[in-house]
């Protein structure tokens, strides 16, 4: 990797709880991107970049100019940026790949660097339980649901979305600081079941809103990236190991 590093971050939830707080967080993210681009081989933004996102054929959400512009600058400099859809911004389509040059992922992916295997994904809907959400996710991801929502005028559609965003955990500022114990963490269970089929050195997920670094066995770890409303955490792979860091 020639002393280059791979960076991972997720759950920025830009847009909530207020315009002012979102803007402050956006500026912090831009400073982080300016820092990591100095030695980045690739950058992975692992879902829920926005608290709500929907692309009409000719219309995309307002705002986030500093953040989007910085990503475009980084991609133009030759550093690949990967964007994952999360449960809050699953309605991202072709706008960001076309305008910014990012690579978009809708499902977890596997990457191998220096003979280390990493599985990377947002993490929503994985593992046992949460059947209600899994059903809703399947519905929201359907072409029928997307077509119906696109029929609503943007003023009303974004008004509805912003109303529900105000009651989301990101907007209310509640921290998911309660660690449930390994066996009650769905992503931990997902990783353990995955390891029964094949070896993975690092599982890297977001969604949980809690920075986690959990040893699965002697050679595997589960890393959760946390979020940027309270923690400002990210992970970095230096070619040998993945570590969680906090940006200040």
C-alpha atoms as a PDB file:
ATOM      1  CA  UNK A   1       0.000   0.000   0.000  1.00  0.00           C
ATOM      2  CA  UNK A   2       3.095   2.245  -0.094  1.00  0.00           C
ATOM      3  CA  UNK A   3       2.378   3.737   3.363  1.00  0.00           C
ATOM      4  CA  UNK A   4      -1.084   4.769   2.192  1.00  0.00           C
ATOM      5  CA  UNK A   5      -4.131   4.149   4.376  1.00  0.00           C
ATOM      6  CA  UNK A   6      -7.781   3.193   3.917  1.00  0.00           C
ATOM      7  CA  UNK A   7     -10.294   5.330   5.834  1.00  0.00           C
ATOM      8  CA  UNK A   8     -13.837   4.498   6.917  1.00  0.00           C
ATOM      9  CA  UNK A   9     -16.580   6.669   8.457  1.00  0.00           C
ATOM     10  CA  UNK A  10     -20.373   6.616   8.593  1.00  0.00           C
ATOM     11  CA  UNK A  11     -23.563   8.047  10.044  1.00  0.00           C
ATOM     12  CA  UNK A  12     -23.064  11.779   9.544  1.00  0.00           C
ATOM     13  CA  UNK A  13     -26.846  12.390   9.366  1.00  0.00           C
ATOM     14  CA  UNK A  14     -26.411  15.756   7.724  1.00  0.00           C
ATOM     15  CA  UNK A  15     -29.615  17.772   7.877  1.00  0.00           C
ATOM     16  CA  UNK A  16     -30.549  17.248  11.538  1.00  0.00           C
ATOM     17  CA  UNK A  17     -31.315  18.308  14.181  1.00  0.00           C
ATOM     18  CA  UNK A  18     -31.130  21.916  12.952  1.00  0.00           C
ATOM     19  CA  UNK A  19     -29.584  23.674   9.976  1.00  0.00           C
ATOM     20  CA  UNK A  20     -26.990  25.353  12.190  1.00  0.00           C
ATOM     21  CA  UNK A  21     -25.864  22.161  13.934  1.00  0.00           C
ATOM     22  CA  UNK A  22     -25.792  20.268  10.664  1.00  0.00           C
ATOM     23  CA  UNK A  23     -23.637  22.982   9.114  1.00  0.00           C
ATOM     24  CA  UNK A  24     -21.196  22.823  12.026  1.00  0.00           C
ATOM     25  CA  UNK A  25     -20.953  19.050  11.586  1.00  0.00           C
ATOM     26  CA  UNK A  26     -20.514  19.434   7.828  1.00  0.00           C
ATOM     27  CA  UNK A  27     -17.578  21.810   8.337  1.00  0.00           C
ATOM     28  CA  UNK A  28     -16.016  19.337  10.765  1.00  0.00           C
ATOM     29  CA  UNK A  29     -16.356  16.564   8.171  1.00  0.00           C
ATOM     30  CA  UNK A  30     -14.673  18.738   5.557  1.00  0.00           C
ATOM     31  CA  UNK A  31     -11.739  19.292   7.943  1.00  0.00           C
ATOM     32  CA  UNK A  32     -11.540  15.533   8.524  1.00  0.00           C
ATOM     33  CA  UNK A  33     -11.527  14.866   4.770  1.00  0.00           C
ATOM     34  CA  UNK A  34      -8.814  17.483   4.302  1.00  0.00           C
ATOM     35  CA  UNK A  35      -6.758  15.673   6.939  1.00  0.00           C
ATOM     36  CA  UNK A  36      -7.148  12.104   5.710  1.00  0.00           C
ATOM     37  CA  UNK A  37      -6.680  12.889   2.022  1.00  0.00           C
ATOM     38  CA  UNK A  38      -3.003  13.537   2.747  1.00  0.00           C
ATOM     39  CA  UNK A  39      -2.257   9.797   2.986  1.00  0.00           C
ATOM     40  CA  UNK A  40      -5.477   8.113   1.804  1.00  0.00           C
ATOM     41  CA  UNK A  41      -5.378   5.260  -0.680  1.00  0.00           C
ATOM     42  CA  UNK A  42      -9.200   5.080  -0.623  1.00  0.00           C
ATOM     43  CA  UNK A  43     -12.047   6.506   1.483  1.00  0.00           C
ATOM     44  CA  UNK A  44     -15.210   4.586   2.386  1.00  0.00           C
ATOM     45  CA  UNK A  45     -18.288   6.523   3.584  1.00  0.00           C
ATOM     46  CA  UNK A  46     -20.436   3.749   4.965  1.00  0.00           C
ATOM     47  CA  UNK A  47     -24.038   4.957   4.905  1.00  0.00           C
ATOM     48  CA  UNK A  48     -26.420   7.496   6.436  1.00  0.00           C
ATOM     49  CA  UNK A  49     -24.394  10.413   5.157  1.00  0.00           C
ATOM     50  CA  UNK A  50     -27.686  12.330   5.110  1.00  0.00           C
ATOM     51  CA  UNK A  51     -30.641  12.009   7.437  1.00  0.00           C
ATOM     52  CA  UNK A  52     -32.881  12.050   4.357  1.00  0.00           C
ATOM     53  CA  UNK A  53     -32.159  11.918   0.658  1.00  0.00           C
ATOM     54  CA  UNK A  54     -34.373  11.448  -2.373  1.00  0.00           C
ATOM     55  CA  UNK A  55     -33.441  12.117  -5.971  1.00  0.00           C
ATOM     56  CA  UNK A  56     -36.117  13.134  -8.414  1.00  0.00           C
ATOM     57  CA  UNK A  57     -35.233  12.887 -12.095  1.00  0.00           C
ATOM     58  CA  UNK A  58     -34.277  16.561 -12.246  1.00  0.00           C
ATOM     59  CA  UNK A  59     -34.153  17.498  -8.548  1.00  0.00           C
ATOM     60  CA  UNK A  60     -31.810  16.627  -5.668  1.00  0.00           C
ATOM     61  CA  UNK A  61     -31.859  17.903  -2.058  1.00  0.00           C
ATOM     62  CA  UNK A  62     -30.519  21.367  -1.345  1.00  0.00           C
ATOM     63  CA  UNK A  63     -27.482  21.941   0.815  1.00  0.00           C
ATOM     64  CA  UNK A  64     -24.312  20.072   1.790  1.00  0.00           C
ATOM     65  CA  UNK A  65     -22.280  22.017  -0.775  1.00  0.00           C
ATOM     66  CA  UNK A  66     -19.073  22.051   1.271  1.00  0.00           C
ATOM     67  CA  UNK A  67     -19.225  18.309   1.910  1.00  0.00           C
ATOM     68  CA  UNK A  68     -20.126  17.343  -1.652  1.00  0.00           C
ATOM     69  CA  UNK A  69     -17.581  19.733  -3.130  1.00  0.00           C
ATOM     70  CA  UNK A  70     -14.814  18.300  -0.951  1.00  0.00           C
ATOM     71  CA  UNK A  71     -15.644  14.766  -2.068  1.00  0.00           C
ATOM     72  CA  UNK A  72     -15.549  15.873  -5.723  1.00  0.00           C
ATOM     73  CA  UNK A  73     -12.162  17.532  -5.115  1.00  0.00           C
ATOM     74  CA  UNK A  74     -10.769  14.349  -3.536  1.00  0.00           C
ATOM     75  CA  UNK A  75     -12.045  12.121  -6.345  1.00  0.00           C
ATOM     76  CA  UNK A  76     -10.647  14.538  -8.945  1.00  0.00           C
ATOM     77  CA  UNK A  77      -7.253  14.290  -7.226  1.00  0.00           C
ATOM     78  CA  UNK A  78      -7.214  10.554  -7.940  1.00  0.00           C
ATOM     79  CA  UNK A  79      -8.345   9.133  -4.578  1.00  0.00           C
ATOM     80  CA  UNK A  80     -11.330   6.756  -4.947  1.00  0.00           C
ATOM     81  CA  UNK A  81     -14.274   7.512  -2.667  1.00  0.00           C
ATOM     82  CA  UNK A  82     -16.887   4.813  -2.007  1.00  0.00           C
ATOM     83  CA  UNK A  83     -20.371   5.704  -0.782  1.00  0.00           C
ATOM     84  CA  UNK A  84     -22.766   3.178   0.773  1.00  0.00           C
ATOM     85  CA  UNK A  85     -26.488   3.726   1.018  1.00  0.00           C
ATOM     86  CA  UNK A  86     -27.861   3.563   4.549  1.00  0.00           C
ATOM     87  CA  UNK A  87     -31.375   3.217   5.885  1.00  0.00           C
ATOM     88  CA  UNK A  88     -31.779   7.026   5.886  1.00  0.00           C
ATOM     89  CA  UNK A  89     -30.394   7.673   2.415  1.00  0.00           C
ATOM     90  CA  UNK A  90     -31.237   4.499   0.516  1.00  0.00           C
ATOM     91  CA  UNK A  91     -32.893   6.653  -2.174  1.00  0.00           C
ATOM     92  CA  UNK A  92     -29.567   7.819  -3.549  1.00  0.00           C
ATOM     93  CA  UNK A  93     -29.340   6.819  -7.208  1.00  0.00           C
ATOM     94  CA  UNK A  94     -27.092   8.181  -9.934  1.00  0.00           C
ATOM     95  CA  UNK A  95     -26.554  11.799  -8.894  1.00  0.00           C
ATOM     96  CA  UNK A  96     -23.495  11.355  -6.671  1.00  0.00           C
ATOM     97  CA  UNK A  97     -21.703   8.882  -8.965  1.00  0.00           C
ATOM     98  CA  UNK A  98     -22.324  11.149 -11.963  1.00  0.00           C
ATOM     99  CA  UNK A  99     -21.526  14.508 -10.379  1.00  0.00           C
ATOM    100  CA  UNK A 100     -18.838  13.510  -7.855  1.00  0.00           C
ATOM    101  CA  UNK A 101     -17.365  10.388  -9.406  1.00  0.00           C
ATOM    102  CA  UNK A 102     -17.900   8.219  -6.329  1.00  0.00           C
ATOM    103  CA  UNK A 103     -18.528   4.487  -6.454  1.00  0.00           C
ATOM    104  CA  UNK A 104     -21.856   3.544  -4.862  1.00  0.00           C
ATOM    105  CA  UNK A 105     -22.661   0.335  -2.981  1.00  0.00           C
ATOM    106  CA  UNK A 106     -26.054  -0.889  -1.801  1.00  0.00           C
ATOM    107  CA  UNK A 107     -24.928  -4.135  -0.157  1.00  0.00           C
ATOM    108  CA  UNK A 108     -21.915  -5.178   1.920  1.00  0.00           C
ATOM    109  CA  UNK A 109     -18.744  -5.754  -0.083  1.00  0.00           C
ATOM    110  CA  UNK A 110     -15.551  -7.728   0.465  1.00  0.00           C
ATOM    111  CA  UNK A 111     -12.120  -6.218  -0.074  1.00  0.00           C
ATOM    112  CA  UNK A 112      -8.646  -7.739   0.317  1.00  0.00           C
ATOM    113  CA  UNK A 113      -5.590  -5.590   1.037  1.00  0.00           C
ATOM    114  CA  UNK A 114      -2.201  -7.023   2.023  1.00  0.00           C
ATOM    115  CA  UNK A 115      -3.847 -10.442   2.400  1.00  0.00           C
ATOM    116  CA  UNK A 116      -6.295  -9.019   4.964  1.00  0.00           C
ATOM    117  CA  UNK A 117      -9.949  -9.645   4.159  1.00  0.00           C
ATOM    118  CA  UNK A 118     -12.463  -6.925   5.122  1.00  0.00           C
ATOM    119  CA  UNK A 119     -16.252  -7.024   4.866  1.00  0.00           C
ATOM    120  CA  UNK A 120     -17.684  -3.489   4.682  1.00  0.00           C
ATOM    121  CA  UNK A 121     -21.336  -2.393   4.812  1.00  0.00           C
ATOM    122  CA  UNK A 122     -23.777  -0.065   6.514  1.00  0.00           C
ATOM    123  CA  UNK A 123     -25.135  -2.920   8.607  1.00  0.00           C
ATOM    124  CA  UNK A 124     -28.875  -2.277   8.637  1.00  0.00           C
ATOM    125  CA  UNK A 125     -31.028  -5.366   8.266  1.00  0.00           C
ATOM    126  CA  UNK A 126     -28.193  -7.807   8.920  1.00  0.00           C
ATOM    127  CA  UNK A 127     -28.303 -10.515  11.551  1.00  0.00           C
ATOM    128  CA  UNK A 128     -31.313 -11.965  13.373  1.00  0.00           C
ATOM    129  CA  UNK A 129     -34.382 -10.097  14.601  1.00  0.00           C
ATOM    130  CA  UNK A 130     -35.756  -6.678  13.623  1.00  0.00           C
ATOM    131  CA  UNK A 131     -38.290  -8.219  11.250  1.00  0.00           C
ATOM    132  CA  UNK A 132     -40.438  -5.100  11.136  1.00  0.00           C
ATOM    133  CA  UNK A 133     -37.545  -3.003   9.865  1.00  0.00           C
ATOM    134  CA  UNK A 134     -36.483  -5.666   7.352  1.00  0.00           C
ATOM    135  CA  UNK A 135     -40.005  -5.653   5.917  1.00  0.00           C
ATOM    136  CA  UNK A 136     -40.064  -1.850   5.716  1.00  0.00           C
ATOM    137  CA  UNK A 137     -36.629  -1.774   4.099  1.00  0.00           C
ATOM    138  CA  UNK A 138     -37.755  -4.199   1.420  1.00  0.00           C
ATOM    139  CA  UNK A 139     -40.817  -2.033   0.773  1.00  0.00           C
ATOM    140  CA  UNK A 140     -38.891   1.251   0.650  1.00  0.00           C
ATOM    141  CA  UNK A 141     -36.352  -0.328  -1.700  1.00  0.00           C
ATOM    142  CA  UNK A 142     -39.073  -1.469  -4.094  1.00  0.00           C
ATOM    143  CA  UNK A 143     -39.567   0.249  -7.440  1.00  0.00           C
ATOM    144  CA  UNK A 144     -43.266   0.686  -6.629  1.00  0.00           C
ATOM    145  CA  UNK A 145     -42.586   2.660  -3.440  1.00  0.00           C
ATOM    146  CA  UNK A 146     -39.982   4.823  -5.160  1.00  0.00           C
ATOM    147  CA  UNK A 147     -42.285   5.503  -8.106  1.00  0.00           C
ATOM    148  CA  UNK A 148     -45.151   6.484  -5.804  1.00  0.00           C
ATOM    149  CA  UNK A 149     -42.968   8.817  -3.727  1.00  0.00           C
ATOM    150  CA  UNK A 150     -41.617  10.452  -6.870  1.00  0.00           C
ATOM    151  CA  UNK A 151     -45.177  11.402  -7.825  1.00  0.00           C
ATOM    152  CA  UNK A 152     -45.358  13.704  -4.758  1.00  0.00           C
ATOM    153  CA  UNK A 153     -44.290  17.300  -5.353  1.00  0.00           C
ATOM    154  CA  UNK A 154     -40.822  17.917  -3.822  1.00  0.00           C
ATOM    155  CA  UNK A 155     -42.122  20.674  -1.508  1.00  0.00           C
ATOM    156  CA  UNK A 156     -44.568  18.253   0.101  1.00  0.00           C
ATOM    157  CA  UNK A 157     -42.283  15.225  -0.092  1.00  0.00           C
ATOM    158  CA  UNK A 158     -39.370  16.902   1.658  1.00  0.00           C
ATOM    159  CA  UNK A 159     -41.747  18.469   4.160  1.00  0.00           C
ATOM    160  CA  UNK A 160     -43.008  15.011   5.101  1.00  0.00           C
ATOM    161  CA  UNK A 161     -39.479  13.649   5.306  1.00  0.00           C
ATOM    162  CA  UNK A 162     -38.283  16.525   7.485  1.00  0.00           C
ATOM    163  CA  UNK A 163     -41.228  16.034   9.822  1.00  0.00           C
ATOM    164  CA  UNK A 164     -40.277  12.409  10.442  1.00  0.00           C
ATOM    165  CA  UNK A 165     -36.580  13.270  10.678  1.00  0.00           C
ATOM    166  CA  UNK A 166     -37.327  15.450  13.694  1.00  0.00           C
ATOM    167  CA  UNK A 167     -38.370  12.350  15.619  1.00  0.00           C
ATOM    168  CA  UNK A 168     -35.433  10.201  14.496  1.00  0.00           C
ATOM    169  CA  UNK A 169     -32.763   9.193  16.984  1.00  0.00           C
ATOM    170  CA  UNK A 170     -30.263  11.381  15.137  1.00  0.00           C
ATOM    171  CA  UNK A 171     -32.443  14.475  15.521  1.00  0.00           C
ATOM    172  CA  UNK A 172     -33.386  13.927  19.146  1.00  0.00           C
ATOM    173  CA  UNK A 173     -29.738  13.466  20.055  1.00  0.00           C
ATOM    174  CA  UNK A 174     -30.257  10.237  21.989  1.00  0.00           C
ATOM    175  CA  UNK A 175     -27.093   8.205  22.128  1.00  0.00           C
ATOM    176  CA  UNK A 176     -27.152   4.457  21.598  1.00  0.00           C
ATOM    177  CA  UNK A 177     -24.590   4.119  24.343  1.00  0.00           C
ATOM    178  CA  UNK A 178     -26.044   0.983  25.862  1.00  0.00           C
ATOM    179  CA  UNK A 179     -23.992  -2.005  24.799  1.00  0.00           C
ATOM    180  CA  UNK A 180     -26.365  -4.956  24.846  1.00  0.00           C
ATOM    181  CA  UNK A 181     -23.730  -7.626  25.295  1.00  0.00           C
ATOM    182  CA  UNK A 182     -22.285  -9.637  22.442  1.00  0.00           C
ATOM    183  CA  UNK A 183     -25.094 -12.135  22.115  1.00  0.00           C
ATOM    184  CA  UNK A 184     -27.738  -9.399  21.903  1.00  0.00           C
ATOM    185  CA  UNK A 185     -25.874  -7.378  19.288  1.00  0.00           C
ATOM    186  CA  UNK A 186     -27.344  -8.404  15.926  1.00  0.00           C
ATOM    187  CA  UNK A 187     -24.271  -7.437  13.932  1.00  0.00           C
ATOM    188  CA  UNK A 188     -22.050  -9.431  16.273  1.00  0.00           C
ATOM    189  CA  UNK A 189     -24.251 -12.465  15.644  1.00  0.00           C
ATOM    190  CA  UNK A 190     -24.118 -11.808  11.901  1.00  0.00           C
ATOM    191  CA  UNK A 191     -20.301 -11.726  12.006  1.00  0.00           C
ATOM    192  CA  UNK A 192     -20.057 -14.937  14.035  1.00  0.00           C
ATOM    193  CA  UNK A 193     -22.347 -16.762  11.605  1.00  0.00           C
ATOM    194  CA  UNK A 194     -20.381 -15.388   8.650  1.00  0.00           C
ATOM    195  CA  UNK A 195     -17.144 -16.750  10.129  1.00  0.00           C
ATOM    196  CA  UNK A 196     -18.607 -20.241  10.109  1.00  0.00           C
ATOM    197  CA  UNK A 197     -18.549 -20.080   6.306  1.00  0.00           C
ATOM    198  CA  UNK A 198     -15.262 -18.246   5.650  1.00  0.00           C
ATOM    199  CA  UNK A 199     -12.510 -16.316   7.363  1.00  0.00           C
ATOM    200  CA  UNK A 200     -12.669 -12.508   7.569  1.00  0.00           C
ATOM    201  CA  UNK A 201     -10.086 -10.388   9.331  1.00  0.00           C
ATOM    202  CA  UNK A 202     -12.277  -7.313   9.889  1.00  0.00           C
ATOM    203  CA  UNK A 203     -15.997  -6.616   9.657  1.00  0.00           C
ATOM    204  CA  UNK A 204     -16.605  -2.865   9.353  1.00  0.00           C
ATOM    205  CA  UNK A 205     -20.152  -1.574   9.787  1.00  0.00           C
ATOM    206  CA  UNK A 206     -22.017   1.599  10.721  1.00  0.00           C
ATOM    207  CA  UNK A 207     -25.711   1.998  11.639  1.00  0.00           C
ATOM    208  CA  UNK A 208     -25.275   1.051  15.296  1.00  0.00           C
ATOM    209  CA  UNK A 209     -24.351   4.629  16.400  1.00  0.00           C
ATOM    210  CA  UNK A 210     -21.920   3.174  18.921  1.00  0.00           C
ATOM    211  CA  UNK A 211     -18.155   2.883  18.380  1.00  0.00           C
ATOM    212  CA  UNK A 212     -17.307  -0.780  18.907  1.00  0.00           C
ATOM    213  CA  UNK A 213     -14.115  -2.808  18.620  1.00  0.00           C
ATOM    214  CA  UNK A 214     -14.973  -6.430  19.403  1.00  0.00           C
ATOM    215  CA  UNK A 215     -12.710  -9.462  19.131  1.00  0.00           C
ATOM    216  CA  UNK A 216     -14.666 -12.266  17.419  1.00  0.00           C
ATOM    217  CA  UNK A 217     -11.905 -14.891  17.612  1.00  0.00           C
ATOM    218  CA  UNK A 218      -8.121 -14.973  17.590  1.00  0.00           C
ATOM    219  CA  UNK A 219      -7.931 -13.556  14.050  1.00  0.00           C
ATOM    220  CA  UNK A 220     -11.154 -11.599  13.458  1.00  0.00           C
ATOM    221  CA  UNK A 221     -12.652  -8.354  14.704  1.00  0.00           C
ATOM    222  CA  UNK A 222     -15.951  -6.506  14.376  1.00  0.00           C
ATOM    223  CA  UNK A 223     -15.538  -2.728  14.125  1.00  0.00           C
ATOM    224  CA  UNK A 224     -18.516  -0.389  14.327  1.00  0.00           C
ATOM    225  CA  UNK A 225     -17.764   3.119  13.156  1.00  0.00           C
ATOM    226  CA  UNK A 226     -20.031   5.003  15.564  1.00  0.00           C
ATOM    227  CA  UNK A 227     -21.441   8.347  14.366  1.00  0.00           C
ATOM    228  CA  UNK A 228     -20.667  12.062  14.032  1.00  0.00           C
ATOM    229  CA  UNK A 229     -23.441  13.591  16.129  1.00  0.00           C
ATOM    230  CA  UNK A 230     -21.685  12.734  19.379  1.00  0.00           C
ATOM    231  CA  UNK A 231     -18.519  10.722  18.783  1.00  0.00           C
ATOM    232  CA  UNK A 232     -16.778  11.901  15.565  1.00  0.00           C
ATOM    233  CA  UNK A 233     -15.229   8.450  15.172  1.00  0.00           C
ATOM    234  CA  UNK A 234     -13.728   6.770  12.142  1.00  0.00           C
ATOM    235  CA  UNK A 235     -11.547   3.749  11.352  1.00  0.00           C
ATOM    236  CA  UNK A 236      -8.241   3.520   9.532  1.00  0.00           C
ATOM    237  CA  UNK A 237      -6.520   0.503   7.980  1.00  0.00           C
ATOM    238  CA  UNK A 238      -2.752   0.891   7.729  1.00  0.00           C
ATOM    239  CA  UNK A 239      -2.130  -2.332   5.833  1.00  0.00           C
ATOM    240  CA  UNK A 240      -1.814  -4.477   8.933  1.00  0.00           C
ATOM    241  CA  UNK A 241      -4.622  -3.567  11.325  1.00  0.00           C
ATOM    242  CA  UNK A 242      -7.829  -1.540  11.584  1.00  0.00           C
ATOM    243  CA  UNK A 243      -8.127   0.944  14.441  1.00  0.00           C
ATOM    244  CA  UNK A 244     -10.888   3.237  15.656  1.00  0.00           C
ATOM    245  CA  UNK A 245      -9.938   6.901  16.084  1.00  0.00           C
ATOM    246  CA  UNK A 246     -11.694  10.098  17.141  1.00  0.00           C
ATOM    247  CA  UNK A 247     -11.353  13.298  15.115  1.00  0.00           C
ATOM    248  CA  UNK A 248     -10.940  16.440  17.189  1.00  0.00           C
END
